Amino acid sequence: MRTITLRRSLVALFAAAISFGAITHAQAETLRIGYQKYGTLVLLKAKGTLEKRLAEQGVEVKWTEFPGGPQLLEGLNVGSVDFGVTGETPPVFAQAAGADLLYVAHEPPAPSGEAILVPKDSPIKSVAELKGKKVVLNKGSNVHYLLVRALEDAGLKYGDITPVYLPPADARAAFERGSVDAWVIWDPFQSAAEKQLQARTLRDGTGLVDNHQFYLATRTYAEQHPQVIGTLVEEIRGVGEWVKGNLDEATSQVAPLIGLSPEITRQAVERQGYGAQFISPEVVAAQQKIADTFTELKLIPKQLTIKDVIWTPPAKVAQAQ
């Protein structure tokens, strides 16, 4: 009897240990990715190649969509996702707010993938004519820096316009109602407004900004899972290289995912930058310039040092790339 009881006790303990180990493993080995309705991550999600590669490392992938970069980085900051993509400006505002995030990689410049738009029948013909006007944008997003630079290039100060801060869907509604004079927005919302509303481009980022897309991770995740991060960047780069040679197929895959027509989607896909790389000193310098600009405008409360939040891949990860 004692033997049977002992066996039952051992079986129960073994089952409990397995159960506890499975729960711990599931919690520790889930990669949570934040993405937006644009960019290479949309295609990576659709292809499913990342899931297959990471399954070999015992990692499950979970995807969460966000309406914009600031919201996505807030998700990273509060721990609801581990990795995500944003434009140039959101990481600056996040760092200023004390978020413990690291830049992991970036895409090449895509300056035409964001623009200042005006209604098709607007009398406004130049950025200089925005003086005293209402301009709607998503505060802290990539287009925030575009607006600052475009105003500066036109001889205006940020205080010369009245900014209206709204996320993309609400901004479009305000733009359509005519309650704002201009809208600063990125693809695919930009392409949709151009095609559906015949919105006119007052100025895009060409000659003003790089409009890099940045991949960021929580410091904890990047430092504890360098191999996973390396695999992620490699897969993102691979998808980007595929897109460059298969624009039609990429468009047909992306269009239903973002709910836009092939015509609108094709334009947005063409204007993106492809070829993810780890962060270079040149990119750090460019990002530092953005941070310094927002500090001077008192839109962020303190001086930032961008190089302090750059992830350096371990040698074996860097060599594998």
Protein backbone atom coordinates (compact mmCIF):
# COMPACT_ATOMS: atom_id res chain seq x y z
CA MET A 1 0.00 0.00 0.00
CA ARG A 2 2.80 2.37 0.90
CA THR A 3 4.47 1.60 -2.46
CA ILE A 4 1.26 2.44 -4.36
CA THR A 5 0.79 5.64 -2.36
CA LEU A 6 4.40 6.64 -3.00
CA ARG A 7 4.02 5.98 -6.71
CA ARG A 8 0.84 8.07 -6.85
CA SER A 9 2.59 10.89 -5.00
CA LEU A 10 5.54 10.82 -7.39
CA VAL A 11 3.21 10.79 -10.42
CA ALA A 12 1.31 13.77 -9.00
CA LEU A 13 4.54 15.66 -8.32
CA PHE A 14 5.85 14.85 -11.79
CA ALA A 15 2.60 16.02 -13.40
CA ALA A 16 2.69 19.22 -11.39
CA ALA A 17 6.29 19.83 -12.34
CA ILE A 18 5.48 19.35 -16.02
CA SER A 19 2.48 21.64 -15.75
CA PHE A 20 4.46 24.35 -13.98
CA GLY A 21 7.30 24.01 -16.47
CA ALA A 22 4.91 24.29 -19.40
CA ILE A 23 3.34 27.45 -18.00
CA THR A 24 6.72 29.02 -17.28
CA HIS A 25 7.99 28.04 -20.71
CA ALA A 26 4.93 29.50 -22.42
CA GLN A 27 5.34 32.78 -20.57
CA ALA A 28 9.08 32.98 -21.17
CA GLU A 29 9.04 31.89 -24.82
CA THR A 30 6.35 34.07 -26.37
CA LEU A 31 7.52 36.92 -28.61
CA ARG A 32 4.88 39.66 -28.72
CA ILE A 33 5.21 41.91 -31.78
CA GLY A 34 3.49 45.26 -32.22
CA TYR A 35 2.84 46.37 -35.79
CA GLN A 36 0.98 49.08 -37.66
CA LYS A 37 -1.11 49.10 -40.81
CA TYR A 38 1.92 49.55 -43.05
CA GLY A 39 5.47 48.39 -43.50
CA THR A 40 7.36 45.14 -43.78
CA LEU A 41 5.95 43.63 -40.60
CA VAL A 42 2.51 43.38 -42.24
CA LEU A 43 4.01 41.14 -44.93
CA LEU A 44 6.13 39.22 -42.46
CA LYS A 45 3.01 38.43 -40.47
CA ALA A 46 1.17 37.29 -43.59
CA LYS A 47 4.00 35.05 -44.80
CA GLY A 48 4.36 33.10 -41.56
CA THR A 49 8.07 32.44 -42.11
CA LEU A 50 9.05 34.01 -38.79
CA GLU A 51 6.77 31.67 -36.87
CA LYS A 52 8.35 28.66 -38.55
CA ARG A 53 11.91 29.76 -37.80
CA LEU A 54 11.24 30.74 -34.21
CA ALA A 55 9.30 27.54 -33.55
CA GLU A 56 12.63 25.80 -34.01
CA GLN A 57 13.92 27.88 -31.10
CA GLY A 58 10.82 27.07 -29.02
CA VAL A 59 9.37 30.56 -29.45
CA GLU A 60 5.72 31.34 -30.22
CA VAL A 61 4.81 34.64 -31.94
CA LYS A 62 1.85 36.84 -30.99
CA TRP A 63 0.89 39.90 -33.08
CA THR A 64 -0.91 43.08 -31.93
CA GLU A 65 -1.93 45.96 -34.23
CA PHE A 66 -1.57 49.60 -33.14
CA PRO A 67 -2.95 52.77 -34.83
CA GLY A 68 0.36 54.68 -34.63
CA GLY A 69 3.93 54.74 -33.36
CA PRO A 70 3.28 56.56 -30.06
CA GLN A 71 0.59 54.05 -29.11
CA LEU A 72 2.82 51.14 -30.07
CA LEU A 73 5.71 52.42 -27.97
CA GLU A 74 3.37 52.91 -25.05
CA GLY A 75 2.54 49.22 -25.46
CA LEU A 76 6.27 48.43 -25.32
CA ASN A 77 6.70 50.68 -22.30
CA VAL A 78 3.94 49.04 -20.26
CA GLY A 79 5.05 45.54 -21.26
CA SER A 80 2.18 44.45 -23.50
CA VAL A 81 4.55 43.82 -26.45
CA ASP A 82 8.27 43.05 -26.73
CA PHE A 83 9.14 44.35 -30.19
CA GLY A 84 7.67 46.81 -32.67
CA VAL A 85 8.15 49.27 -35.52
CA THR A 86 7.68 53.05 -35.60
CA GLY A 87 8.81 56.12 -37.48
CA GLU A 88 11.63 58.42 -36.41
CA THR A 89 9.93 60.63 -33.83
CA PRO A 90 8.00 58.26 -31.51
CA PRO A 91 11.18 56.74 -29.98
CA VAL A 92 12.40 60.25 -29.11
CA PHE A 93 9.22 61.08 -27.20
CA ALA A 94 9.26 57.64 -25.58
CA GLN A 95 12.85 58.05 -24.40
CA ALA A 96 12.03 61.50 -23.04
CA ALA A 97 9.16 59.95 -21.09
CA GLY A 98 11.52 57.44 -19.50
CA ALA A 99 10.58 54.34 -21.49
CA ASP A 100 13.29 51.68 -21.22
CA LEU A 101 13.44 50.80 -24.92
CA LEU A 102 16.27 50.05 -27.32
CA TYR A 103 16.66 50.79 -31.03
CA VAL A 104 17.40 47.47 -32.71
CA ALA A 105 17.40 48.10 -36.48
CA HIS A 106 16.18 50.47 -39.18
CA GLU A 107 14.95 50.53 -42.76
CA PRO A 108 16.50 52.75 -45.46
CA PRO A 109 15.10 56.28 -45.93
CA ALA A 110 11.60 56.64 -47.41
CA PRO A 111 11.05 60.42 -47.53
CA SER A 112 8.13 60.32 -49.97
CA GLY A 113 6.17 58.02 -47.63
CA GLU A 114 4.93 60.97 -45.55
CA ALA A 115 3.57 64.35 -46.57
CA ILE A 116 1.67 67.52 -45.74
CA LEU A 117 -1.67 67.30 -47.54
CA VAL A 118 -4.31 69.93 -48.27
CA PRO A 119 -7.83 69.45 -49.71
CA LYS A 120 -8.01 69.35 -53.50
CA ASP A 121 -9.77 72.73 -53.68
CA SER A 122 -7.63 74.44 -51.02
CA PRO A 123 -6.25 77.86 -51.97
CA ILE A 124 -3.04 77.01 -50.09
CA LYS A 125 -0.21 76.47 -52.55
CA SER A 126 2.90 76.45 -50.33
CA VAL A 127 4.02 75.56 -46.82
CA ALA A 128 4.59 79.27 -46.14
CA GLU A 129 0.85 79.81 -46.54
CA LEU A 130 0.17 77.56 -43.54
CA LYS A 131 0.92 80.52 -41.26
CA GLY A 132 -2.03 80.96 -38.91
CA LYS A 133 -3.68 77.76 -40.17
CA LYS A 134 -4.82 74.60 -38.39
CA VAL A 135 -2.67 71.57 -39.16
CA VAL A 136 -3.74 68.14 -37.91
CA LEU A 137 -1.22 65.40 -37.07
CA ASN A 138 -0.58 62.52 -34.71
CA LYS A 139 1.51 64.08 -31.95
CA GLY A 140 4.92 62.47 -31.51
CA SER A 141 4.69 60.48 -34.75
CA ASN A 142 7.16 60.54 -37.63
CA VAL A 143 5.24 63.33 -39.38
CA HIS A 144 5.74 65.62 -36.40
CA TYR A 145 9.37 66.11 -37.39
CA LEU A 146 8.44 66.50 -41.06
CA LEU A 147 6.12 69.37 -40.12
CA VAL A 148 8.80 71.07 -38.03
CA ARG A 149 11.38 70.80 -40.81
CA ALA A 150 8.96 71.89 -43.55
CA LEU A 151 7.94 74.98 -41.58
CA GLU A 152 11.57 75.80 -40.89
CA ASP A 153 12.43 75.41 -44.57
CA ALA A 154 9.58 77.80 -45.45
CA GLY A 155 10.80 80.40 -42.97
CA LEU A 156 8.11 79.70 -40.37
CA LYS A 157 8.26 78.68 -36.73
CA TYR A 158 6.24 75.90 -35.16
CA GLY A 159 4.34 78.55 -33.23
CA ASP A 160 3.18 80.10 -36.51
CA ILE A 161 0.63 77.32 -37.03
CA THR A 162 -2.08 75.87 -34.80
CA PRO A 163 -1.38 72.14 -34.37
CA VAL A 164 -4.36 69.84 -33.86
CA TYR A 165 -3.33 66.49 -32.42
CA LEU A 166 -5.45 63.53 -33.53
CA PRO A 167 -4.77 59.88 -34.50
CA PRO A 168 -5.07 59.03 -38.22
CA ALA A 169 -8.75 58.03 -38.39
CA ASP A 170 -9.93 61.11 -36.48
CA ALA A 171 -7.50 63.31 -38.39
CA ARG A 172 -8.93 62.16 -41.71
CA ALA A 173 -12.46 62.89 -40.50
CA ALA A 174 -11.41 66.41 -39.49
CA PHE A 175 -9.67 66.86 -42.84
CA GLU A 176 -12.75 65.74 -44.77
CA ARG A 177 -15.04 68.02 -42.73
CA GLY A 178 -12.83 70.98 -43.51
CA SER A 179 -12.27 71.75 -39.82
CA VAL A 180 -8.49 71.81 -40.42
CA ASP A 181 -6.49 73.35 -43.24
CA ALA A 182 -3.84 70.66 -43.70
CA TRP A 183 -3.05 67.12 -42.63
CA VAL A 184 0.45 65.71 -42.05
CA ILE A 185 0.26 61.95 -42.53
CA TRP A 186 2.13 58.82 -43.59
CA ASP A 187 1.38 55.84 -45.82
CA PRO A 188 -0.92 54.06 -46.36
CA PHE A 189 -3.23 56.81 -44.99
CA GLN A 190 -1.38 59.30 -47.18
CA SER A 191 -1.91 57.25 -50.34
CA ALA A 192 -5.57 56.65 -49.45
CA ALA A 193 -6.20 60.38 -49.04
CA GLU A 194 -4.46 61.13 -52.34
CA LYS A 195 -6.47 58.53 -54.26
CA GLN A 196 -9.85 58.67 -52.50
CA LEU A 197 -10.06 62.38 -51.61
CA GLN A 198 -7.78 63.73 -54.34
CA ALA A 199 -5.84 65.42 -51.54
CA ARG A 200 -3.00 67.54 -52.85
CA THR A 201 0.57 67.13 -51.61
CA LEU A 202 1.93 70.43 -50.34
CA ARG A 203 5.30 68.95 -49.41
CA ASP A 204 6.57 65.44 -48.77
CA GLY A 205 9.74 64.52 -46.92
CA THR A 206 12.06 64.62 -49.93
CA GLY A 207 15.02 66.85 -49.17
CA LEU A 208 13.83 67.41 -45.59
CA VAL A 209 13.77 64.15 -43.64
CA ASP A 210 14.92 60.55 -43.97
CA ASN A 211 11.72 59.01 -42.61
CA HIS A 212 13.51 55.92 -41.34
CA GLN A 213 11.39 53.14 -39.91
CA PHE A 214 12.85 51.86 -36.65
CA TYR A 215 12.51 48.48 -35.00
CA LEU A 216 12.63 48.70 -31.22
CA ALA A 217 12.46 46.26 -28.33
CA THR A 218 12.19 46.46 -24.59
CA ARG A 219 15.65 46.49 -23.06
CA THR A 220 14.90 43.34 -21.09
CA TYR A 221 13.80 41.36 -24.13
CA ALA A 222 16.66 42.48 -26.36
CA GLU A 223 19.29 41.71 -23.74
CA GLN A 224 17.82 38.34 -22.77
CA HIS A 225 16.93 37.10 -26.29
CA PRO A 226 19.62 38.34 -28.71
CA GLN A 227 19.28 35.27 -30.94
CA VAL A 228 15.55 35.88 -31.39
CA ILE A 229 16.18 39.53 -32.22
CA GLY A 230 18.81 38.49 -34.76
CA THR A 231 16.37 36.09 -36.41
CA LEU A 232 13.71 38.79 -36.49
CA VAL A 233 15.96 41.31 -38.25
CA GLU A 234 17.10 38.67 -40.73
CA GLU A 235 13.51 37.73 -41.57
CA ILE A 236 12.47 41.38 -41.92
CA ARG A 237 15.39 42.02 -44.27
CA GLY A 238 14.51 38.93 -46.29
CA VAL A 239 10.90 40.02 -46.75
CA GLY A 240 12.07 43.49 -47.78
CA GLU A 241 14.38 42.08 -50.42
CA TRP A 242 11.53 39.91 -51.72
CA VAL A 243 9.20 42.93 -51.96
CA LYS A 244 11.67 44.90 -54.09
CA GLY A 245 11.54 42.21 -56.75
CA ASN A 246 7.86 41.31 -56.39
CA LEU A 247 5.90 44.55 -56.05
CA ASP A 248 2.74 43.17 -57.70
CA GLU A 249 2.59 40.10 -55.49
CA ALA A 250 3.42 42.12 -52.39
CA THR A 251 0.62 44.53 -53.23
CA SER A 252 -1.88 41.71 -53.68
CA GLN A 253 -0.93 40.33 -50.27
CA VAL A 254 -0.94 43.65 -48.41
CA ALA A 255 -4.12 45.17 -49.88
CA PRO A 256 -6.62 42.83 -48.15
CA LEU A 257 -4.63 42.96 -44.92
CA ILE A 258 -4.95 46.74 -44.65
CA GLY A 259 -8.37 46.98 -46.30
CA LEU A 260 -7.36 49.24 -49.18
CA SER A 261 -7.54 48.90 -52.96
CA PRO A 262 -4.58 47.50 -54.92
CA GLU A 263 -4.04 50.93 -56.52
CA ILE A 264 -3.71 52.69 -53.16
CA THR A 265 -1.67 49.88 -51.67
CA ARG A 266 0.75 49.70 -54.61
CA GLN A 267 1.65 53.37 -54.23
CA ALA A 268 2.27 52.95 -50.51
CA VAL A 269 4.33 49.79 -51.02
CA GLU A 270 6.49 51.49 -53.64
CA ARG A 271 7.28 54.41 -51.33
CA GLN A 272 8.55 52.29 -48.45
CA GLY A 273 12.19 51.59 -47.71
CA TYR A 274 13.38 47.97 -47.64
CA GLY A 275 16.52 46.34 -46.32
CA ALA A 276 16.63 46.33 -42.50
CA GLN A 277 20.04 46.83 -40.92
CA PHE A 278 21.35 47.19 -37.38
CA ILE A 279 21.79 50.78 -36.24
CA SER A 280 24.80 52.62 -37.67
CA PRO A 281 26.62 55.67 -36.21
CA GLU A 282 25.23 57.78 -39.07
CA VAL A 283 21.67 56.86 -38.18
CA VAL A 284 22.35 57.57 -34.50
CA ALA A 285 23.58 61.06 -35.48
CA ALA A 286 20.49 61.72 -37.58
CA GLN A 287 18.22 60.58 -34.76
CA GLN A 288 20.15 62.76 -32.30
CA LYS A 289 19.40 65.76 -34.52
CA ILE A 290 15.69 65.00 -34.28
CA ALA A 291 15.89 64.72 -30.50
CA ASP A 292 17.78 68.00 -30.24
CA THR A 293 15.19 69.73 -32.43
CA PHE A 294 12.32 68.72 -30.18
CA THR A 295 14.29 69.71 -27.09
CA GLU A 296 14.88 73.19 -28.55
CA LEU A 297 11.16 73.48 -29.29
CA LYS A 298 10.44 72.45 -25.69
CA LEU A 299 8.22 69.65 -26.97
CA ILE A 300 10.27 67.24 -24.87
CA PRO A 301 11.46 68.23 -21.40
CA LYS A 302 15.15 67.31 -21.46
CA GLN A 303 18.24 66.71 -23.55
CA LEU A 304 18.53 63.13 -24.78
CA THR A 305 21.50 60.97 -25.72
CA ILE A 306 20.39 58.57 -28.45
CA LYS A 307 23.51 56.39 -28.30
CA ASP A 308 22.50 55.36 -24.78
CA VAL A 309 19.50 53.46 -26.13
CA ILE A 310 21.04 51.59 -29.06
CA TRP A 311 21.15 47.79 -28.91
CA THR A 312 24.51 46.32 -29.90
CA PRO A 313 24.11 42.79 -31.26
CA PRO A 314 26.47 40.17 -29.84
CA ALA A 315 29.30 39.25 -32.23
CA LYS A 316 27.78 35.90 -33.21
CA VAL A 317 24.46 37.56 -34.06
CA ALA A 318 26.11 40.36 -36.05
CA GLN A 319 28.27 37.88 -37.97
CA ALA A 320 25.21 35.80 -38.86
CA GLN A 321 23.69 38.82 -40.56
